[in-house]
Amino acid sequence: MNPAEGFNNMANSPVYYWVQGYMSAANIALLEGDSQYVDLSLMGEKKLLPMIHEFCQKNPGKKPIALIDQLIEDTDKVEGKWKSGTIPWAADDD
């Protein structure tokens, strides 16, 4: 990875797209549980790529998912309208 190269670096793109997909799925769970979500428009490549790169350099024995999970937890949430049970696998088993 080289965050300064943006999407011109072949390693940056798949990392960024994976994180965006993971955070999108997390948003479904957040909406299903609390009708809140993380505004992914604030999570552009210029924010995420350097953050992931730095985390990996400082924590070679840890997986970057730990950083992303913490980011999701720490980020201010936005209220959203969501009909519970819209996504069957995300709904609680009753």
PDB file of N, CA and C in Angstrom:
ATOM      1  N   MET A   1       0.821  -1.186   0.000  1.00  0.00           N
ATOM      2  CA  MET A   1       0.000   0.000   0.000  1.00  0.00           C
ATOM      3  C   MET A   1       0.866   1.252   0.000  1.00  0.00           C
ATOM      4  N   ASN A   2       0.368   2.237  -0.704  1.00  0.00           N
ATOM      5  CA  ASN A   2       0.971   3.564  -0.651  1.00  0.00           C
ATOM      6  C   ASN A   2      -0.182   4.568  -0.742  1.00  0.00           C
ATOM      7  N   PRO A   3      -0.694   5.010   0.411  1.00  0.00           N
ATOM      8  CA  PRO A   3      -1.864   5.885   0.417  1.00  0.00           C
ATOM      9  C   PRO A   3      -1.718   7.142  -0.431  1.00  0.00           C
ATOM     10  N   ALA A   4      -0.514   7.678  -0.541  1.00  0.00           N
ATOM     11  CA  ALA A   4      -0.305   8.906  -1.308  1.00  0.00           C
ATOM     12  C   ALA A   4      -0.612   8.718  -2.790  1.00  0.00           C
ATOM     13  N   GLU A   5      -0.533   7.486  -3.276  1.00  0.00           N
ATOM     14  CA  GLU A   5      -0.802   7.208  -4.685  1.00  0.00           C
ATOM     15  C   GLU A   5      -2.284   7.002  -4.977  1.00  0.00           C
ATOM     16  N   GLY A   6      -3.118   7.001  -3.946  1.00  0.00           N
ATOM     17  CA  GLY A   6      -4.557   6.817  -4.158  1.00  0.00           C
ATOM     18  C   GLY A   6      -4.848   5.545  -4.920  1.00  0.00           C
ATOM     19  N   PHE A   7      -5.792   5.639  -5.846  1.00  0.00           N
ATOM     20  CA  PHE A   7      -6.194   4.452  -6.605  1.00  0.00           C
ATOM     21  C   PHE A   7      -5.231   4.121  -7.741  1.00  0.00           C
ATOM     22  N   ASN A   8      -4.145   4.886  -7.894  1.00  0.00           N
ATOM     23  CA  ASN A   8      -3.111   4.537  -8.869  1.00  0.00           C
ATOM     24  C   ASN A   8      -2.246   3.386  -8.365  1.00  0.00           C
ATOM     25  N   ASN A   9      -2.305   3.117  -7.066  1.00  0.00           N
ATOM     26  CA  ASN A   9      -1.565   1.999  -6.478  1.00  0.00           C
ATOM     27  C   ASN A   9      -2.492   0.791  -6.452  1.00  0.00           C
ATOM     28  N   MET A  10      -2.060  -0.300  -7.038  1.00  0.00           N
ATOM     29  CA  MET A  10      -2.902  -1.493  -7.190  1.00  0.00           C
ATOM     30  C   MET A  10      -3.347  -2.107  -5.858  1.00  0.00           C
ATOM     31  N   ALA A  11      -2.602  -1.927  -4.804  1.00  0.00           N
ATOM     32  CA  ALA A  11      -2.983  -2.497  -3.511  1.00  0.00           C
ATOM     33  C   ALA A  11      -4.039  -1.646  -2.802  1.00  0.00           C
ATOM     34  N   ASN A  12      -4.065  -0.372  -3.073  1.00  0.00           N
ATOM     35  CA  ASN A  12      -4.985   0.523  -2.372  1.00  0.00           C
ATOM     36  C   ASN A  12      -6.444   0.251  -2.703  1.00  0.00           C
ATOM     37  N   SER A  13      -6.741   0.030  -3.964  1.00  0.00           N
ATOM     38  CA  SER A  13      -8.130  -0.125  -4.392  1.00  0.00           C
ATOM     39  C   SER A  13      -8.846  -1.284  -3.717  1.00  0.00           C
ATOM     40  N   PRO A  14      -8.315  -2.513  -3.763  1.00  0.00           N
ATOM     41  CA  PRO A  14      -9.057  -3.608  -3.133  1.00  0.00           C
ATOM     42  C   PRO A  14      -9.219  -3.434  -1.625  1.00  0.00           C
ATOM     43  N   VAL A  15      -8.228  -2.846  -0.980  1.00  0.00           N
ATOM     44  CA  VAL A  15      -8.344  -2.598   0.463  1.00  0.00           C
ATOM     45  C   VAL A  15      -9.485  -1.622   0.723  1.00  0.00           C
ATOM     46  N   TYR A  16      -9.497  -0.533  -0.004  1.00  0.00           N
ATOM     47  CA  TYR A  16     -10.525   0.485   0.186  1.00  0.00           C
ATOM     48  C   TYR A  16     -11.921  -0.073  -0.116  1.00  0.00           C
ATOM     49  N   TYR A  17     -12.068  -0.779  -1.212  1.00  0.00           N
ATOM     50  CA  TYR A  17     -13.382  -1.302  -1.585  1.00  0.00           C
ATOM     51  C   TYR A  17     -13.857  -2.356  -0.593  1.00  0.00           C
ATOM     52  N   TRP A  18     -12.946  -3.154  -0.073  1.00  0.00           N
ATOM     53  CA  TRP A  18     -13.333  -4.136   0.948  1.00  0.00           C
ATOM     54  C   TRP A  18     -13.841  -3.414   2.195  1.00  0.00           C
ATOM     55  N   VAL A  19     -13.129  -2.390   2.637  1.00  0.00           N
ATOM     56  CA  VAL A  19     -13.541  -1.642   3.833  1.00  0.00           C
ATOM     57  C   VAL A  19     -14.915  -1.003   3.615  1.00  0.00           C
ATOM     58  N   GLN A  20     -15.137  -0.416   2.446  1.00  0.00           N
ATOM     59  CA  GLN A  20     -16.436   0.189   2.163  1.00  0.00           C
ATOM     60  C   GLN A  20     -17.552  -0.866   2.198  1.00  0.00           C
ATOM     61  N   GLY A  21     -17.308  -2.032   1.669  1.00  0.00           N
ATOM     62  CA  GLY A  21     -18.299  -3.111   1.712  1.00  0.00           C
ATOM     63  C   GLY A  21     -18.563  -3.584   3.128  1.00  0.00           C
ATOM     64  N   TYR A  22     -17.508  -3.725   3.893  1.00  0.00           N
ATOM     65  CA  TYR A  22     -17.638  -4.159   5.288  1.00  0.00           C
ATOM     66  C   TYR A  22     -18.435  -3.136   6.084  1.00  0.00           C
ATOM     67  N   MET A  23     -18.123  -1.862   5.883  1.00  0.00           N
ATOM     68  CA  MET A  23     -18.829  -0.819   6.615  1.00  0.00           C
ATOM     69  C   MET A  23     -20.281  -0.702   6.156  1.00  0.00           C
ATOM     70  N   SER A  24     -20.552  -0.973   4.905  1.00  0.00           N
ATOM     71  CA  SER A  24     -21.933  -0.979   4.418  1.00  0.00           C
ATOM     72  C   SER A  24     -22.734  -2.077   5.106  1.00  0.00           C
ATOM     73  N   ALA A  25     -22.143  -3.246   5.231  1.00  0.00           N
ATOM     74  CA  ALA A  25     -22.815  -4.344   5.926  1.00  0.00           C
ATOM     75  C   ALA A  25     -23.013  -4.006   7.402  1.00  0.00           C
ATOM     76  N   ALA A  26     -22.027  -3.365   8.010  1.00  0.00           N
ATOM     77  CA  ALA A  26     -22.160  -2.949   9.408  1.00  0.00           C
ATOM     78  C   ALA A  26     -23.301  -1.954   9.548  1.00  0.00           C
ATOM     79  N   ASN A  27     -23.473  -1.091   8.554  1.00  0.00           N
ATOM     80  CA  ASN A  27     -24.566  -0.132   8.597  1.00  0.00           C
ATOM     81  C   ASN A  27     -25.924  -0.822   8.611  1.00  0.00           C
ATOM     82  N   ILE A  28     -26.058  -1.920   7.901  1.00  0.00           N
ATOM     83  CA  ILE A  28     -27.323  -2.667   7.927  1.00  0.00           C
ATOM     84  C   ILE A  28     -27.598  -3.150   9.347  1.00  0.00           C
ATOM     85  N   ALA A  29     -26.583  -3.695   9.990  1.00  0.00           N
ATOM     86  CA  ALA A  29     -26.756  -4.165  11.369  1.00  0.00           C
ATOM     87  C   ALA A  29     -27.071  -3.003  12.303  1.00  0.00           C
ATOM     88  N   LEU A  30     -26.398  -1.869  12.125  1.00  0.00           N
ATOM     89  CA  LEU A  30     -26.662  -0.690  12.964  1.00  0.00           C
ATOM     90  C   LEU A  30     -28.087  -0.185  12.759  1.00  0.00           C
ATOM     91  N   LEU A  31     -28.523  -0.114  11.522  1.00  0.00           N
ATOM     92  CA  LEU A  31     -29.883   0.336  11.234  1.00  0.00           C
ATOM     93  C   LEU A  31     -30.906  -0.639  11.804  1.00  0.00           C
ATOM     94  N   GLU A  32     -30.644  -1.894  11.649  1.00  0.00           N
ATOM     95  CA  GLU A  32     -31.560  -2.932  12.146  1.00  0.00           C
ATOM     96  C   GLU A  32     -31.681  -2.849  13.668  1.00  0.00           C
ATOM     97  N   GLY A  33     -30.582  -2.547  14.345  1.00  0.00           N
ATOM     98  CA  GLY A  33     -30.589  -2.536  15.805  1.00  0.00           C
ATOM     99  C   GLY A  33     -31.027  -1.226  16.424  1.00  0.00           C
ATOM    100  N   ASP A  34     -30.521  -0.097  15.903  1.00  0.00           N
ATOM    101  CA  ASP A  34     -30.738   1.190  16.567  1.00  0.00           C
ATOM    102  C   ASP A  34     -31.239   2.296  15.639  1.00  0.00           C
ATOM    103  N   SER A  35     -31.547   1.968  14.397  1.00  0.00           N
ATOM    104  CA  SER A  35     -31.951   2.964  13.399  1.00  0.00           C
ATOM    105  C   SER A  35     -30.910   4.075  13.262  1.00  0.00           C
ATOM    106  N   GLN A  36     -29.643   3.678  13.331  1.00  0.00           N
ATOM    107  CA  GLN A  36     -28.531   4.607  13.142  1.00  0.00           C
ATOM    108  C   GLN A  36     -27.547   3.993  12.157  1.00  0.00           C
ATOM    109  N   TYR A  37     -26.721   4.855  11.561  1.00  0.00           N
ATOM    110  CA  TYR A  37     -25.707   4.367  10.634  1.00  0.00           C
ATOM    111  C   TYR A  37     -24.521   5.319  10.603  1.00  0.00           C
ATOM    112  N   VAL A  38     -23.429   4.849  10.024  1.00  0.00           N
ATOM    113  CA  VAL A  38     -22.227   5.651   9.824  1.00  0.00           C
ATOM    114  C   VAL A  38     -22.310   6.260   8.428  1.00  0.00           C
ATOM    115  N   ASP A  39     -22.105   7.559   8.341  1.00  0.00           N
ATOM    116  CA  ASP A  39     -22.122   8.246   7.048  1.00  0.00           C
ATOM    117  C   ASP A  39     -20.843   7.894   6.293  1.00  0.00           C
ATOM    118  N   LEU A  40     -20.967   7.007   5.319  1.00  0.00           N
ATOM    119  CA  LEU A  40     -19.790   6.544   4.582  1.00  0.00           C
ATOM    120  C   LEU A  40     -19.216   7.600   3.646  1.00  0.00           C
ATOM    121  N   SER A  41     -19.957   8.664   3.399  1.00  0.00           N
ATOM    122  CA  SER A  41     -19.391   9.722   2.559  1.00  0.00           C
ATOM    123  C   SER A  41     -18.227  10.416   3.272  1.00  0.00           C
ATOM    124  N   LEU A  42     -18.145  10.239   4.581  1.00  0.00           N
ATOM    125  CA  LEU A  42     -17.030  10.799   5.356  1.00  0.00           C
ATOM    126  C   LEU A  42     -15.819   9.863   5.383  1.00  0.00           C
ATOM    127  N   MET A  43     -15.956   8.689   4.771  1.00  0.00           N
ATOM    128  CA  MET A  43     -14.918   7.660   4.827  1.00  0.00           C
ATOM    129  C   MET A  43     -14.277   7.456   3.456  1.00  0.00           C
ATOM    130  N   GLY A  44     -13.783   8.539   2.896  1.00  0.00           N
ATOM    131  CA  GLY A  44     -13.133   8.469   1.593  1.00  0.00           C
ATOM    132  C   GLY A  44     -11.750   7.854   1.673  1.00  0.00           C
ATOM    133  N   GLU A  45     -11.175   7.627   0.511  1.00  0.00           N
ATOM    134  CA  GLU A  45      -9.859   6.972   0.453  1.00  0.00           C
ATOM    135  C   GLU A  45      -8.773   7.811   1.104  1.00  0.00           C
ATOM    136  N   LYS A  46      -8.912   9.127   1.086  1.00  0.00           N
ATOM    137  CA  LYS A  46      -7.882   9.983   1.685  1.00  0.00           C
ATOM    138  C   LYS A  46      -7.894   9.899   3.206  1.00  0.00           C
ATOM    139  N   LYS A  47      -8.979   9.458   3.772  1.00  0.00           N
ATOM    140  CA  LYS A  47      -9.046   9.242   5.218  1.00  0.00           C
ATOM    141  C   LYS A  47      -8.674   7.800   5.561  1.00  0.00           C
ATOM    142  N   LEU A  48      -9.300   6.851   4.875  1.00  0.00           N
ATOM    143  CA  LEU A  48      -9.147   5.442   5.249  1.00  0.00           C
ATOM    144  C   LEU A  48      -7.785   4.847   4.904  1.00  0.00           C
ATOM    145  N   LEU A  49      -7.285   5.107   3.710  1.00  0.00           N
ATOM    146  CA  LEU A  49      -6.027   4.468   3.295  1.00  0.00           C
ATOM    147  C   LEU A  49      -4.854   4.823   4.211  1.00  0.00           C
ATOM    148  N   PRO A  50      -4.627   6.096   4.528  1.00  0.00           N
ATOM    149  CA  PRO A  50      -3.526   6.403   5.447  1.00  0.00           C
ATOM    150  C   PRO A  50      -3.743   5.791   6.833  1.00  0.00           C
ATOM    151  N   MET A  51      -4.994   5.776   7.286  1.00  0.00           N
ATOM    152  CA  MET A  51      -5.309   5.225   8.599  1.00  0.00           C
ATOM    153  C   MET A  51      -4.979   3.726   8.647  1.00  0.00           C
ATOM    154  N   ILE A  52      -5.369   3.000   7.622  1.00  0.00           N
ATOM    155  CA  ILE A  52      -5.109   1.561   7.558  1.00  0.00           C
ATOM    156  C   ILE A  52      -3.613   1.295   7.428  1.00  0.00           C
ATOM    157  N   HIS A  53      -2.954   2.056   6.573  1.00  0.00           N
ATOM    158  CA  HIS A  53      -1.514   1.883   6.363  1.00  0.00           C
ATOM    159  C   HIS A  53      -0.747   2.094   7.665  1.00  0.00           C
ATOM    160  N   GLU A  54      -1.077   3.167   8.370  1.00  0.00           N
ATOM    161  CA  GLU A  54      -0.407   3.464   9.636  1.00  0.00           C
ATOM    162  C   GLU A  54      -0.679   2.376  10.679  1.00  0.00           C
ATOM    163  N   PHE A  55      -1.919   1.930  10.752  1.00  0.00           N
ATOM    164  CA  PHE A  55      -2.275   0.874  11.698  1.00  0.00           C
ATOM    165  C   PHE A  55      -1.456  -0.391  11.422  1.00  0.00           C
ATOM    166  N   CYS A  56      -1.373  -0.773  10.162  1.00  0.00           N
ATOM    167  CA  CYS A  56      -0.632  -1.991   9.797  1.00  0.00           C
ATOM    168  C   CYS A  56       0.863  -1.856  10.097  1.00  0.00           C
ATOM    169  N   GLN A  57       1.428  -0.684   9.883  1.00  0.00           N
ATOM    170  CA  GLN A  57       2.844  -0.483  10.189  1.00  0.00           C
ATOM    171  C   GLN A  57       3.104  -0.559  11.692  1.00  0.00           C
ATOM    172  N   LYS A  58       2.205  -0.002  12.481  1.00  0.00           N
ATOM    173  CA  LYS A  58       2.381   0.006  13.931  1.00  0.00           C
ATOM    174  C   LYS A  58       1.976  -1.296  14.597  1.00  0.00           C
ATOM    175  N   ASN A  59       1.154  -2.095  13.936  1.00  0.00           N
ATOM    176  CA  ASN A  59       0.608  -3.315  14.524  1.00  0.00           C
ATOM    177  C   ASN A  59       0.730  -4.491  13.559  1.00  0.00           C
ATOM    178  N   PRO A  60       1.954  -4.911  13.238  1.00  0.00           N
ATOM    179  CA  PRO A  60       2.112  -5.963  12.222  1.00  0.00           C
ATOM    180  C   PRO A  60       1.462  -7.295  12.597  1.00  0.00           C
ATOM    181  N   GLY A  61       1.222  -7.521  13.870  1.00  0.00           N
ATOM    182  CA  GLY A  61       0.607  -8.777  14.289  1.00  0.00           C
ATOM    183  C   GLY A  61      -0.910  -8.727  14.374  1.00  0.00           C
ATOM    184  N   LYS A  62      -1.494  -7.559  14.098  1.00  0.00           N
ATOM    185  CA  LYS A  62      -2.943  -7.411  14.194  1.00  0.00           C
ATOM    186  C   LYS A  62      -3.554  -7.291  12.807  1.00  0.00           C
ATOM    187  N   LYS A  63      -4.827  -7.655  12.730  1.00  0.00           N
ATOM    188  CA  LYS A  63      -5.548  -7.539  11.470  1.00  0.00           C
ATOM    189  C   LYS A  63      -6.219  -6.164  11.398  1.00  0.00           C
ATOM    190  N   PRO A  64      -6.234  -5.554  10.225  1.00  0.00           N
ATOM    191  CA  PRO A  64      -6.812  -4.216  10.094  1.00  0.00           C
ATOM    192  C   PRO A  64      -8.304  -4.157  10.413  1.00  0.00           C
ATOM    193  N   ILE A  65      -8.974  -5.288  10.444  1.00  0.00           N
ATOM    194  CA  ILE A  65     -10.395  -5.302  10.797  1.00  0.00           C
ATOM    195  C   ILE A  65     -10.605  -4.731  12.198  1.00  0.00           C
ATOM    196  N   ALA A  66      -9.619  -4.889  13.076  1.00  0.00           N
ATOM    197  CA  ALA A  66      -9.718  -4.327  14.426  1.00  0.00           C
ATOM    198  C   ALA A  66      -9.836  -2.808  14.358  1.00  0.00           C
ATOM    199  N   LEU A  67      -9.086  -2.193  13.468  1.00  0.00           N
ATOM    200  CA  LEU A  67      -9.155  -0.741  13.269  1.00  0.00           C
ATOM    201  C   LEU A  67     -10.523  -0.337  12.740  1.00  0.00           C
ATOM    202  N   ILE A  68     -11.018  -1.057  11.759  1.00  0.00           N
ATOM    203  CA  ILE A  68     -12.295  -0.710  11.139  1.00  0.00           C
ATOM    204  C   ILE A  68     -13.439  -0.882  12.133  1.00  0.00           C
ATOM    205  N   ASP A  69     -13.415  -1.960  12.907  1.00  0.00           N
ATOM    206  CA  ASP A  69     -14.444  -2.148  13.930  1.00  0.00           C
ATOM    207  C   ASP A  69     -14.426  -1.007  14.945  1.00  0.00           C
ATOM    208  N   GLN A  70     -13.240  -0.585  15.344  1.00  0.00           N
ATOM    209  CA  GLN A  70     -13.127   0.525  16.296  1.00  0.00           C
ATOM    210  C   GLN A  70     -13.615   1.829  15.665  1.00  0.00           C
ATOM    211  N   LEU A  71     -13.291   2.033  14.408  1.00  0.00           N
ATOM    212  CA  LEU A  71     -13.737   3.223  13.693  1.00  0.00           C
ATOM    213  C   LEU A  71     -15.265   3.271  13.638  1.00  0.00           C
ATOM    214  N   ILE A  72     -15.886   2.148  13.325  1.00  0.00           N
ATOM    215  CA  ILE A  72     -17.347   2.074  13.278  1.00  0.00           C
ATOM    216  C   ILE A  72     -17.927   2.397  14.653  1.00  0.00           C
ATOM    217  N   GLU A  73     -17.340   1.829  15.682  1.00  0.00           N
ATOM    218  CA  GLU A  73     -17.835   2.058  17.043  1.00  0.00           C
ATOM    219  C   GLU A  73     -17.678   3.526  17.462  1.00  0.00           C
ATOM    220  N   ASP A  74     -16.549   4.135  17.133  1.00  0.00           N
ATOM    221  CA  ASP A  74     -16.241   5.485  17.605  1.00  0.00           C
ATOM    222  C   ASP A  74     -16.879   6.606  16.787  1.00  0.00           C
ATOM    223  N   THR A  75     -17.243   6.332  15.557  1.00  0.00           N
ATOM    224  CA  THR A  75     -17.777   7.371  14.673  1.00  0.00           C
ATOM    225  C   THR A  75     -19.190   7.762  15.092  1.00  0.00           C
ATOM    226  N   ASP A  76     -19.450   9.072  15.091  1.00  0.00           N
ATOM    227  CA  ASP A  76     -20.801   9.552  15.380  1.00  0.00           C
ATOM    228  C   ASP A  76     -21.761   8.951  14.365  1.00  0.00           C
ATOM    229  N   LYS A  77     -22.926   8.556  14.852  1.00  0.00           N
ATOM    230  CA  LYS A  77     -23.924   7.927  13.993  1.00  0.00           C
ATOM    231  C   LYS A  77     -24.976   8.940  13.570  1.00  0.00           C
ATOM    232  N   VAL A  78     -25.626   8.623  12.459  1.00  0.00           N
ATOM    233  CA  VAL A  78     -26.702   9.428  11.907  1.00  0.00           C
ATOM    234  C   VAL A  78     -27.998   8.641  12.103  1.00  0.00           C
ATOM    235  N   GLU A  79     -29.059   9.347  12.490  1.00  0.00           N
ATOM    236  CA  GLU A  79     -30.365   8.695  12.618  1.00  0.00           C
ATOM    237  C   GLU A  79     -30.893   8.362  11.230  1.00  0.00           C
ATOM    238  N   GLY A  80     -31.468   7.190  11.092  1.00  0.00           N
ATOM    239  CA  GLY A  80     -32.028   6.788   9.813  1.00  0.00           C
ATOM    240  C   GLY A  80     -33.362   6.102   9.995  1.00  0.00           C
ATOM    241  N   LYS A  81     -34.153   6.122   8.956  1.00  0.00           N
ATOM    242  CA  LYS A  81     -35.426   5.406   8.980  1.00  0.00           C
ATOM    243  C   LYS A  81     -35.190   4.030   8.392  1.00  0.00           C
ATOM    244  N   TRP A  82     -35.657   3.027   9.094  1.00  0.00           N
ATOM    245  CA  TRP A  82     -35.417   1.662   8.669  1.00  0.00           C
ATOM    246  C   TRP A  82     -36.549   0.800   9.162  1.00  0.00           C
ATOM    247  N   LYS A  83     -37.091  -0.005   8.302  1.00  0.00           N
ATOM    248  CA  LYS A  83     -38.137  -0.935   8.693  1.00  0.00           C
ATOM    249  C   LYS A  83     -37.477  -2.231   9.140  1.00  0.00           C
ATOM    250  N   SER A  84     -37.571  -2.532  10.416  1.00  0.00           N
ATOM    251  CA  SER A  84     -36.941  -3.732  10.970  1.00  0.00           C
ATOM    252  C   SER A  84     -37.402  -4.973  10.216  1.00  0.00           C
ATOM    253  N   GLY A  85     -36.465  -5.849   9.942  1.00  0.00           N
ATOM    254  CA  GLY A  85     -36.769  -7.090   9.234  1.00  0.00           C
ATOM    255  C   GLY A  85     -36.693  -6.965   7.732  1.00  0.00           C
ATOM    256  N   THR A  86     -36.274  -5.812   7.227  1.00  0.00           N
ATOM    257  CA  THR A  86     -36.175  -5.613   5.784  1.00  0.00           C
ATOM    258  C   THR A  86     -35.184  -6.597   5.163  1.00  0.00           C
ATOM    259  N   ILE A  87     -34.105  -6.847   5.868  1.00  0.00           N
ATOM    260  CA  ILE A  87     -33.105  -7.813   5.434  1.00  0.00           C
ATOM    261  C   ILE A  87     -33.270  -9.048   6.322  1.00  0.00           C
ATOM    262  N   PRO A  88     -33.804 -10.152   5.802  1.00  0.00           N
ATOM    263  CA  PRO A  88     -34.132 -11.305   6.648  1.00  0.00           C
ATOM    264  C   PRO A  88     -32.971 -11.804   7.493  1.00  0.00           C
ATOM    265  N   TRP A  89     -31.762 -11.854   6.957  1.00  0.00           N
ATOM    266  CA  TRP A  89     -30.636 -12.380   7.745  1.00  0.00           C
ATOM    267  C   TRP A  89     -30.198 -11.427   8.837  1.00  0.00           C
ATOM    268  N   ALA A  90     -30.616 -10.158   8.766  1.00  0.00           N
ATOM    269  CA  ALA A  90     -30.239  -9.198   9.794  1.00  0.00           C
ATOM    270  C   ALA A  90     -31.284  -9.106  10.888  1.00  0.00           C
ATOM    271  N   ALA A  91     -32.478  -9.637  10.644  1.00  0.00           N
ATOM    272  CA  ALA A  91     -33.552  -9.552  11.623  1.00  0.00           C
ATOM    273  C   ALA A  91     -33.321 -10.544  12.760  1.00  0.00           C
ATOM    274  N   ASP A  92     -33.821 -10.174  13.917  1.00  0.00           N
ATOM    275  CA  ASP A  92     -33.718 -11.079  15.087  1.00  0.00           C
ATOM    276  C   ASP A  92     -34.592 -12.296  14.865  1.00  0.00           C
ATOM    277  N   ASP A  93     -34.121 -13.438  15.325  1.00  0.00           N
ATOM    278  CA  ASP A  93     -34.942 -14.643  15.302  1.00  0.00           C
ATOM    279  C   ASP A  93     -35.931 -14.571  16.449  1.00  0.00           C
ATOM    280  N   ASP A  94     -37.200 -14.649  16.155  1.00  0.00           N
ATOM    281  CA  ASP A  94     -38.228 -14.608  17.201  1.00  0.00           C
ATOM    282  C   ASP A  94     -38.840 -15.966  17.429  1.00  0.00           C
TER     283      ASP A  94
END
